[in-house]
All heavy atoms as atom14 arrays in JSON, in Angstrom:
{
  "sequence": "GILIGLATALLLLANGRVAGISGILGGLLRPARGDIAWRVA",
  "atom14_mask": [
    [1, 1, 1, 1, 0, 0, 0, 0, 0, 0, 0, 0, 0, 0],
    [1, 1, 1, 1, 1, 1, 1, 1, 0, 0, 0, 0, 0, 0],
    [1, 1, 1, 1, 1, 1, 1, 1, 0, 0, 0, 0, 0, 0],
    [1, 1, 1, 1, 1, 1, 1, 1, 0, 0, 0, 0, 0, 0],
    [1, 1, 1, 1, 0, 0, 0, 0, 0, 0, 0, 0, 0, 0],
    [1, 1, 1, 1, 1, 1, 1, 1, 0, 0, 0, 0, 0, 0],
    [1, 1, 1, 1, 1, 0, 0, 0, 0, 0, 0, 0, 0, 0],
    [1, 1, 1, 1, 1, 1, 1, 0, 0, 0, 0, 0, 0, 0],
    [1, 1, 1, 1, 1, 0, 0, 0, 0, 0, 0, 0, 0, 0],
    [1, 1, 1, 1, 1, 1, 1, 1, 0, 0, 0, 0, 0, 0],
    [1, 1, 1, 1, 1, 1, 1, 1, 0, 0, 0, 0, 0, 0],
    [1, 1, 1, 1, 1, 1, 1, 1, 0, 0, 0, 0, 0, 0],
    [1, 1, 1, 1, 1, 1, 1, 1, 0, 0, 0, 0, 0, 0],
    [1, 1, 1, 1, 1, 0, 0, 0, 0, 0, 0, 0, 0, 0],
    [1, 1, 1, 1, 1, 1, 1, 1, 0, 0, 0, 0, 0, 0],
    [1, 1, 1, 1, 0, 0, 0, 0, 0, 0, 0, 0, 0, 0],
    [1, 1, 1, 1, 1, 1, 1, 1, 1, 1, 1, 0, 0, 0],
    [1, 1, 1, 1, 1, 1, 1, 0, 0, 0, 0, 0, 0, 0],
    [1, 1, 1, 1, 1, 0, 0, 0, 0, 0, 0, 0, 0, 0],
    [1, 1, 1, 1, 0, 0, 0, 0, 0, 0, 0, 0, 0, 0],
    [1, 1, 1, 1, 1, 1, 1, 1, 0, 0, 0, 0, 0, 0],
    [1, 1, 1, 1, 1, 1, 0, 0, 0, 0, 0, 0, 0, 0],
    [1, 1, 1, 1, 0, 0, 0, 0, 0, 0, 0, 0, 0, 0],
    [1, 1, 1, 1, 1, 1, 1, 1, 0, 0, 0, 0, 0, 0],
    [1, 1, 1, 1, 1, 1, 1, 1, 0, 0, 0, 0, 0, 0],
    [1, 1, 1, 1, 0, 0, 0, 0, 0, 0, 0, 0, 0, 0],
    [1, 1, 1, 1, 0, 0, 0, 0, 0, 0, 0, 0, 0, 0],
    [1, 1, 1, 1, 1, 1, 1, 1, 0, 0, 0, 0, 0, 0],
    [1, 1, 1, 1, 1, 1, 1, 1, 0, 0, 0, 0, 0, 0],
    [1, 1, 1, 1, 1, 1, 1, 1, 1, 1, 1, 0, 0, 0],
    [1, 1, 1, 1, 1, 1, 1, 0, 0, 0, 0, 0, 0, 0],
    [1, 1, 1, 1, 1, 0, 0, 0, 0, 0, 0, 0, 0, 0],
    [1, 1, 1, 1, 1, 1, 1, 1, 1, 1, 1, 0, 0, 0],
    [1, 1, 1, 1, 0, 0, 0, 0, 0, 0, 0, 0, 0, 0],
    [1, 1, 1, 1, 1, 1, 1, 1, 0, 0, 0, 0, 0, 0],
    [1, 1, 1, 1, 1, 1, 1, 1, 0, 0, 0, 0, 0, 0],
    [1, 1, 1, 1, 1, 0, 0, 0, 0, 0, 0, 0, 0, 0],
    [1, 1, 1, 1, 1, 1, 1, 1, 1, 1, 1, 1, 1, 1],
    [1, 1, 1, 1, 1, 1, 1, 1, 1, 1, 1, 0, 0, 0],
    [1, 1, 1, 1, 1, 1, 1, 0, 0, 0, 0, 0, 0, 0],
    [1, 1, 1, 1, 1, 0, 0, 0, 0, 0, 0, 0, 0, 0]
  ],
  "atom14_positions": [
    [[-2.25, 6.35, 16.88], [-1.62, 7.28, 15.95], [-0.18, 6.89, 15.63], [0.26, 6.98, 14.48], [0.0, 0.0, 0.0], [0.0, 0.0, 0.0], [0.0, 0.0, 0.0], [0.0, 0.0, 0.0], [0.0, 0.0, 0.0], [0.0, 0.0, 0.0], [0.0, 0.0, 0.0], [0.0, 0.0, 0.0], [0.0, 0.0, 0.0], [0.0, 0.0, 0.0]],
    [[0.54, 6.46, 16.65], [1.93, 6.02, 16.43], [1.96, 4.79, 15.53], [2.78, 4.7, 14.61], [2.63, 5.76, 17.78], [2.88, 7.1, 18.49], [3.94, 5.0, 17.58], [3.36, 6.96, 19.93], [0.0, 0.0, 0.0], [0.0, 0.0, 0.0], [0.0, 0.0, 0.0], [0.0, 0.0, 0.0], [0.0, 0.0, 0.0], [0.0, 0.0, 0.0]],
    [[1.06, 3.84, 15.77], [1.02, 2.63, 14.92], [0.68, 2.97, 13.47], [1.28, 2.42, 12.54], [0.01, 1.63, 15.48], [0.44, 0.88, 16.73], [-0.72, 0.05, 17.28], [1.65, 0.01, 16.45], [0.0, 0.0, 0.0], [0.0, 0.0, 0.0], [0.0, 0.0, 0.0], [0.0, 0.0, 0.0], [0.0, 0.0, 0.0], [0.0, 0.0, 0.0]],
    [[-0.27, 3.88, 13.27], [-0.62, 4.29, 11.91], [0.58, 4.97, 11.25], [0.91, 4.68, 10.1], [-1.86, 5.21, 11.91], [-3.1, 4.41, 12.28], [-2.04, 5.89, 10.56], [-4.33, 5.27, 12.55], [0.0, 0.0, 0.0], [0.0, 0.0, 0.0], [0.0, 0.0, 0.0], [0.0, 0.0, 0.0], [0.0, 0.0, 0.0], [0.0, 0.0, 0.0]],
    [[1.24, 5.85, 11.97], [2.41, 6.54, 11.43], [3.53, 5.57, 11.09], [4.15, 5.68, 10.02], [0.0, 0.0, 0.0], [0.0, 0.0, 0.0], [0.0, 0.0, 0.0], [0.0, 0.0, 0.0], [0.0, 0.0, 0.0], [0.0, 0.0, 0.0], [0.0, 0.0, 0.0], [0.0, 0.0, 0.0], [0.0, 0.0, 0.0], [0.0, 0.0, 0.0]],
    [[3.8, 4.62, 11.97], [4.84, 3.63, 11.69], [4.49, 2.76, 10.49], [5.36, 2.47, 9.65], [5.08, 2.76, 12.93], [5.83, 3.4, 14.08], [5.84, 2.48, 15.3], [7.24, 3.76, 13.67], [0.0, 0.0, 0.0], [0.0, 0.0, 0.0], [0.0, 0.0, 0.0], [0.0, 0.0, 0.0], [0.0, 0.0, 0.0], [0.0, 0.0, 0.0]],
    [[3.24, 2.34, 10.41], [2.83, 1.49, 9.29], [2.94, 2.22, 7.96], [3.43, 1.66, 6.98], [1.39, 1.0, 9.51], [0.0, 0.0, 0.0], [0.0, 0.0, 0.0], [0.0, 0.0, 0.0], [0.0, 0.0, 0.0], [0.0, 0.0, 0.0], [0.0, 0.0, 0.0], [0.0, 0.0, 0.0], [0.0, 0.0, 0.0], [0.0, 0.0, 0.0]],
    [[2.52, 3.48, 7.93], [2.61, 4.23, 6.67], [4.05, 4.51, 6.3], [4.43, 4.43, 5.13], [1.81, 5.54, 6.73], [2.29, 6.34, 7.81], [0.34, 5.3, 6.91], [0.0, 0.0, 0.0], [0.0, 0.0, 0.0], [0.0, 0.0, 0.0], [0.0, 0.0, 0.0], [0.0, 0.0, 0.0], [0.0, 0.0, 0.0], [0.0, 0.0, 0.0]],
    [[4.87, 4.82, 7.3], [6.3, 5.06, 7.02], [6.98, 3.79, 6.54], [7.79, 3.82, 5.61], [6.99, 5.6, 8.28], [0.0, 0.0, 0.0], [0.0, 0.0, 0.0], [0.0, 0.0, 0.0], [0.0, 0.0, 0.0], [0.0, 0.0, 0.0], [0.0, 0.0, 0.0], [0.0, 0.0, 0.0], [0.0, 0.0, 0.0], [0.0, 0.0, 0.0]],
    [[6.66, 2.67, 7.16], [7.26, 1.39, 6.77], [6.87, 1.02, 5.34], [7.72, 0.58, 4.55], [6.85, 0.28, 7.74], [7.46, -1.08, 7.5], [8.97, -1.02, 7.64], [6.89, -2.08, 8.5], [0.0, 0.0, 0.0], [0.0, 0.0, 0.0], [0.0, 0.0, 0.0], [0.0, 0.0, 0.0], [0.0, 0.0, 0.0], [0.0, 0.0, 0.0]],
    [[5.61, 1.2, 4.98], [5.17, 0.89, 3.62], [5.88, 1.79, 2.61], [6.33, 1.33, 1.55], [3.65, 1.02, 3.48], [3.08, 0.63, 2.13], [3.32, -0.84, 1.82], [1.58, 0.93, 2.08], [0.0, 0.0, 0.0], [0.0, 0.0, 0.0], [0.0, 0.0, 0.0], [0.0, 0.0, 0.0], [0.0, 0.0, 0.0], [0.0, 0.0, 0.0]],
    [[6.02, 3.06, 2.94], [6.69, 3.99, 2.03], [8.18, 3.66, 1.9], [8.73, 3.63, 0.8], [6.5, 5.43, 2.51], [7.06, 6.52, 1.6], [6.37, 6.49, 0.24], [6.87, 7.88, 2.24], [0.0, 0.0, 0.0], [0.0, 0.0, 0.0], [0.0, 0.0, 0.0], [0.0, 0.0, 0.0], [0.0, 0.0, 0.0], [0.0, 0.0, 0.0]],
    [[8.83, 3.38, 3.02], [10.27, 3.09, 2.99], [10.57, 1.73, 2.37], [11.54, 1.58, 1.62], [10.85, 3.16, 4.4], [10.88, 4.55, 5.03], [11.29, 4.47, 6.49], [11.79, 5.48, 4.25], [0.0, 0.0, 0.0], [0.0, 0.0, 0.0], [0.0, 0.0, 0.0], [0.0, 0.0, 0.0], [0.0, 0.0, 0.0], [0.0, 0.0, 0.0]],
    [[9.75, 0.73, 2.68], [10.02, -0.64, 2.2], [9.58, -0.86, 0.76], [10.25, -1.55, 0.0], [9.35, -1.66, 3.12], [0.0, 0.0, 0.0], [0.0, 0.0, 0.0], [0.0, 0.0, 0.0], [0.0, 0.0, 0.0], [0.0, 0.0, 0.0], [0.0, 0.0, 0.0], [0.0, 0.0, 0.0], [0.0, 0.0, 0.0], [0.0, 0.0, 0.0]],
    [[8.44, -0.28, 0.38], [7.88, -0.54, -0.95], [7.8, 0.69, -1.84], [7.42, 0.58, -3.01], [6.45, -1.11, -0.83], [6.44, -2.5, -0.28], [7.47, -3.08, 0.0], [5.26, -3.06, -0.12], [0.0, 0.0, 0.0], [0.0, 0.0, 0.0], [0.0, 0.0, 0.0], [0.0, 0.0, 0.0], [0.0, 0.0, 0.0], [0.0, 0.0, 0.0]],
    [[8.05, 1.86, -1.27], [7.91, 3.08, -2.05], [6.46, 3.4, -2.36], [6.16, 4.1, -3.32], [0.0, 0.0, 0.0], [0.0, 0.0, 0.0], [0.0, 0.0, 0.0], [0.0, 0.0, 0.0], [0.0, 0.0, 0.0], [0.0, 0.0, 0.0], [0.0, 0.0, 0.0], [0.0, 0.0, 0.0], [0.0, 0.0, 0.0], [0.0, 0.0, 0.0]],
    [[5.54, 2.86, -1.57], [4.1, 3.04, -1.8], [3.48, 3.87, -0.69], [3.88, 3.81, 0.46], [3.38, 1.68, -1.82], [3.94, 0.7, -2.8], [3.7, 1.17, -4.19], [4.1, 0.15, -5.14], [3.91, 0.24, -6.42], [3.32, 1.28, -6.92], [4.31, -0.71, -7.22], [0.0, 0.0, 0.0], [0.0, 0.0, 0.0], [0.0, 0.0, 0.0]],
    [[2.46, 4.64, -1.06], [1.72, 5.45, -0.11], [0.55, 4.63, 0.42], [-0.15, 3.97, -0.36], [1.22, 6.74, -0.79], [0.36, 7.56, 0.15], [2.4, 7.56, -1.27], [0.0, 0.0, 0.0], [0.0, 0.0, 0.0], [0.0, 0.0, 0.0], [0.0, 0.0, 0.0], [0.0, 0.0, 0.0], [0.0, 0.0, 0.0], [0.0, 0.0, 0.0]],
    [[0.31, 4.69, 1.71], [-0.72, 3.87, 2.35], [-2.1, 4.53, 2.29], [-2.81, 4.57, 3.29], [-0.34, 3.57, 3.8], [0.0, 0.0, 0.0], [0.0, 0.0, 0.0], [0.0, 0.0, 0.0], [0.0, 0.0, 0.0], [0.0, 0.0, 0.0], [0.0, 0.0, 0.0], [0.0, 0.0, 0.0], [0.0, 0.0, 0.0], [0.0, 0.0, 0.0]],
    [[-2.49, 5.02, 1.15], [-3.83, 5.57, 0.98], [-4.77, 4.45, 0.57], [-4.57, 3.81, -0.47], [0.0, 0.0, 0.0], [0.0, 0.0, 0.0], [0.0, 0.0, 0.0], [0.0, 0.0, 0.0], [0.0, 0.0, 0.0], [0.0, 0.0, 0.0], [0.0, 0.0, 0.0], [0.0, 0.0, 0.0], [0.0, 0.0, 0.0], [0.0, 0.0, 0.0]],
    [[-5.76, 4.17, 1.36], [-6.62, 3.01, 1.14], [-7.36, 3.09, -0.19], [-7.53, 2.08, -0.89], [-7.6, 2.79, 2.31], [-8.33, 1.46, 2.18], [-8.58, 3.93, 2.45], [-7.45, 0.27, 2.23], [0.0, 0.0, 0.0], [0.0, 0.0, 0.0], [0.0, 0.0, 0.0], [0.0, 0.0, 0.0], [0.0, 0.0, 0.0], [0.0, 0.0, 0.0]],
    [[-7.78, 4.29, -0.59], [-8.5, 4.39, -1.86], [-7.57, 4.04, -3.03], [-7.99, 3.39, -3.98], [-9.1, 5.78, -2.04], [-8.1, 6.77, -1.99], [0.0, 0.0, 0.0], [0.0, 0.0, 0.0], [0.0, 0.0, 0.0], [0.0, 0.0, 0.0], [0.0, 0.0, 0.0], [0.0, 0.0, 0.0], [0.0, 0.0, 0.0], [0.0, 0.0, 0.0]],
    [[-6.31, 4.43, -2.94], [-5.36, 4.08, -3.99], [-5.0, 2.61, -3.99], [-4.84, 1.98, -5.04], [0.0, 0.0, 0.0], [0.0, 0.0, 0.0], [0.0, 0.0, 0.0], [0.0, 0.0, 0.0], [0.0, 0.0, 0.0], [0.0, 0.0, 0.0], [0.0, 0.0, 0.0], [0.0, 0.0, 0.0], [0.0, 0.0, 0.0], [0.0, 0.0, 0.0]],
    [[-4.88, 2.05, -2.79], [-4.54, 0.63, -2.68], [-5.68, -0.22, -3.22], [-5.47, -1.13, -4.03], [-4.22, 0.25, -1.22], [-2.91, 0.93, -0.79], [-4.12, -1.26, -1.04], [-2.61, 0.82, 0.69], [0.0, 0.0, 0.0], [0.0, 0.0, 0.0], [0.0, 0.0, 0.0], [0.0, 0.0, 0.0], [0.0, 0.0, 0.0], [0.0, 0.0, 0.0]],
    [[-6.9, 0.08, -2.81], [-8.06, -0.67, -3.28], [-8.29, -0.42, -4.78], [-8.56, -1.35, -5.54], [-9.3, -0.3, -2.48], [-10.55, -1.1, -2.73], [-10.31, -2.58, -2.48], [-11.69, -0.6, -1.87], [0.0, 0.0, 0.0], [0.0, 0.0, 0.0], [0.0, 0.0, 0.0], [0.0, 0.0, 0.0], [0.0, 0.0, 0.0], [0.0, 0.0, 0.0]],
    [[-8.14, 0.83, -5.21], [-8.32, 1.16, -6.61], [-7.32, 0.44, -7.5], [-7.63, 0.06, -8.63], [0.0, 0.0, 0.0], [0.0, 0.0, 0.0], [0.0, 0.0, 0.0], [0.0, 0.0, 0.0], [0.0, 0.0, 0.0], [0.0, 0.0, 0.0], [0.0, 0.0, 0.0], [0.0, 0.0, 0.0], [0.0, 0.0, 0.0], [0.0, 0.0, 0.0]],
    [[-6.11, 0.21, -7.0], [-5.11, -0.53, -7.75], [-5.47, -1.98, -7.98], [-4.94, -2.62, -8.9], [0.0, 0.0, 0.0], [0.0, 0.0, 0.0], [0.0, 0.0, 0.0], [0.0, 0.0, 0.0], [0.0, 0.0, 0.0], [0.0, 0.0, 0.0], [0.0, 0.0, 0.0], [0.0, 0.0, 0.0], [0.0, 0.0, 0.0], [0.0, 0.0, 0.0]],
    [[-6.36, -2.5, -7.16], [-6.82, -3.89, -7.35], [-7.89, -3.97, -8.44], [-8.14, -5.05, -8.97], [-7.37, -4.47, -6.04], [-6.32, -4.85, -5.01], [-6.98, -5.28, -3.71], [-5.41, -5.94, -5.53], [0.0, 0.0, 0.0], [0.0, 0.0, 0.0], [0.0, 0.0, 0.0], [0.0, 0.0, 0.0], [0.0, 0.0, 0.0], [0.0, 0.0, 0.0]],
    [[-8.53, -2.86, -8.74], [-9.56, -2.87, -9.77], [-8.96, -2.99, -11.17], [-9.58, -3.55, -12.06], [-10.44, -1.62, -9.66], [-11.18, -1.45, -8.34], [-11.96, -0.15, -8.33], [-12.09, -2.64, -8.08], [0.0, 0.0, 0.0], [0.0, 0.0, 0.0], [0.0, 0.0, 0.0], [0.0, 0.0, 0.0], [0.0, 0.0, 0.0], [0.0, 0.0, 0.0]],
    [[-7.78, -2.43, -11.34], [-7.02, -2.56, -12.6], [-5.6, -2.98, -12.24], [-4.67, -2.18, -12.27], [-7.0, -1.23, -13.36], [-8.31, -0.95, -14.03], [-8.21, 0.28, -14.92], [-9.09, 1.28, -14.29], [-8.84, 2.56, -14.28], [-7.77, 3.04, -14.82], [-9.68, 3.38, -13.73], [0.0, 0.0, 0.0], [0.0, 0.0, 0.0], [0.0, 0.0, 0.0]],
    [[-5.43, -4.25, -11.85], [-4.13, -4.68, -11.31], [-3.03, -4.72, -12.36], [-3.25, -5.06, -13.52], [-4.41, -6.08, -10.77], [-5.6, -6.55, -11.52], [-6.4, -5.34, -11.88], [0.0, 0.0, 0.0], [0.0, 0.0, 0.0], [0.0, 0.0, 0.0], [0.0, 0.0, 0.0], [0.0, 0.0, 0.0], [0.0, 0.0, 0.0], [0.0, 0.0, 0.0]],
    [[-1.83, -4.36, -11.92], [-0.64, -4.46, -12.75], [0.15, -5.69, -12.28], [0.11, -6.05, -11.1], [0.22, -3.21, -12.62], [0.0, 0.0, 0.0], [0.0, 0.0, 0.0], [0.0, 0.0, 0.0], [0.0, 0.0, 0.0], [0.0, 0.0, 0.0], [0.0, 0.0, 0.0], [0.0, 0.0, 0.0], [0.0, 0.0, 0.0], [0.0, 0.0, 0.0]],
    [[0.87, -6.3, -13.18], [1.66, -7.48, -12.85], [2.66, -7.14, -11.75], [3.34, -6.13, -11.8], [2.39, -7.98, -14.08], [3.17, -9.26, -13.85], [3.89, -9.69, -15.09], [2.99, -9.92, -16.21], [2.54, -11.12, -16.56], [2.92, -12.18, -15.89], [1.72, -11.26, -17.58], [0.0, 0.0, 0.0], [0.0, 0.0, 0.0], [0.0, 0.0, 0.0]],
    [[2.72, -7.99, -10.73], [3.65, -7.8, -9.63], [3.21, -6.75, -8.62], [3.98, -6.4, -7.73], [0.0, 0.0, 0.0], [0.0, 0.0, 0.0], [0.0, 0.0, 0.0], [0.0, 0.0, 0.0], [0.0, 0.0, 0.0], [0.0, 0.0, 0.0], [0.0, 0.0, 0.0], [0.0, 0.0, 0.0], [0.0, 0.0, 0.0], [0.0, 0.0, 0.0]],
    [[2.01, -6.24, -8.77], [1.54, -5.16, -7.9], [0.3, -5.57, -7.1], [-0.36, -4.72, -6.53], [1.22, -3.93, -8.77], [1.13, -2.66, -7.97], [1.94, -2.48, -7.04], [0.24, -1.84, -8.27], [0.0, 0.0, 0.0], [0.0, 0.0, 0.0], [0.0, 0.0, 0.0], [0.0, 0.0, 0.0], [0.0, 0.0, 0.0], [0.0, 0.0, 0.0]],
    [[0.02, -6.85, -7.08], [-1.22, -7.31, -6.44], [-1.0, -7.79, -5.01], [-1.78, -7.47, -4.11], [-1.87, -8.43, -7.28], [-2.24, -7.88, -8.65], [-3.09, -9.01, -6.59], [-2.71, -8.94, -9.63], [0.0, 0.0, 0.0], [0.0, 0.0, 0.0], [0.0, 0.0, 0.0], [0.0, 0.0, 0.0], [0.0, 0.0, 0.0], [0.0, 0.0, 0.0]],
    [[0.07, -8.55, -4.77], [0.27, -9.22, -3.48], [0.28, -8.25, -2.31], [-0.4, -8.48, -1.3], [1.55, -10.04, -3.51], [0.0, 0.0, 0.0], [0.0, 0.0, 0.0], [0.0, 0.0, 0.0], [0.0, 0.0, 0.0], [0.0, 0.0, 0.0], [0.0, 0.0, 0.0], [0.0, 0.0, 0.0], [0.0, 0.0, 0.0], [0.0, 0.0, 0.0]],
    [[1.02, -7.16, -2.4], [1.09, -6.24, -1.27], [-0.25, -5.55, -1.03], [-0.61, -5.28, 0.11], [2.22, -5.23, -1.45], [1.94, -4.14, -2.43], [2.2, -4.15, -3.77], [1.32, -2.88, -2.15], [1.78, -2.97, -4.34], [1.25, -2.16, -3.37], [0.84, -2.29, -1.0], [0.7, -0.9, -3.46], [0.29, -1.02, -1.09], [0.22, -0.33, -2.31]],
    [[-0.98, -5.29, -2.12], [-2.3, -4.66, -1.97], [-3.28, -5.61, -1.27], [-4.02, -5.2, -0.38], [-2.85, -4.25, -3.34], [-2.06, -3.13, -3.99], [-2.61, -2.81, -5.39], [-1.77, -1.91, -6.12], [-1.85, -0.58, -6.04], [-2.76, -0.02, -5.29], [-1.03, 0.17, -6.74], [0.0, 0.0, 0.0], [0.0, 0.0, 0.0], [0.0, 0.0, 0.0]],
    [[-3.28, -6.88, -1.68], [-4.15, -7.87, -1.05], [-3.77, -8.05, 0.41], [-4.64, -8.13, 1.29], [-4.09, -9.21, -1.82], [-4.79, -10.31, -1.05], [-4.7, -9.05, -3.21], [0.0, 0.0, 0.0], [0.0, 0.0, 0.0], [0.0, 0.0, 0.0], [0.0, 0.0, 0.0], [0.0, 0.0, 0.0], [0.0, 0.0, 0.0], [0.0, 0.0, 0.0]],
    [[-2.47, -8.09, 0.71], [-2.01, -8.24, 2.1], [-2.48, -7.04, 2.94], [-2.93, -7.22, 4.08], [-0.49, -8.37, 2.14], [0.0, 0.0, 0.0], [0.0, 0.0, 0.0], [0.0, 0.0, 0.0], [0.0, 0.0, 0.0], [0.0, 0.0, 0.0], [0.0, 0.0, 0.0], [0.0, 0.0, 0.0], [0.0, 0.0, 0.0], [0.0, 0.0, 0.0]]
  ]
}
C-alpha cells in the first residue's frame, strides 16, 4: 500500500498525471504527441 501510494504521488507530482490504469492505457489508444513515453513506461 505504501509503494502504491508513493508511486501515485510521485507520478502526480512529477508529471501532473493521475495513475489510473484505464486512463493511462486509454491514452495509448488515441495518443497525443509527447504523451506516449510515460504511458508506455
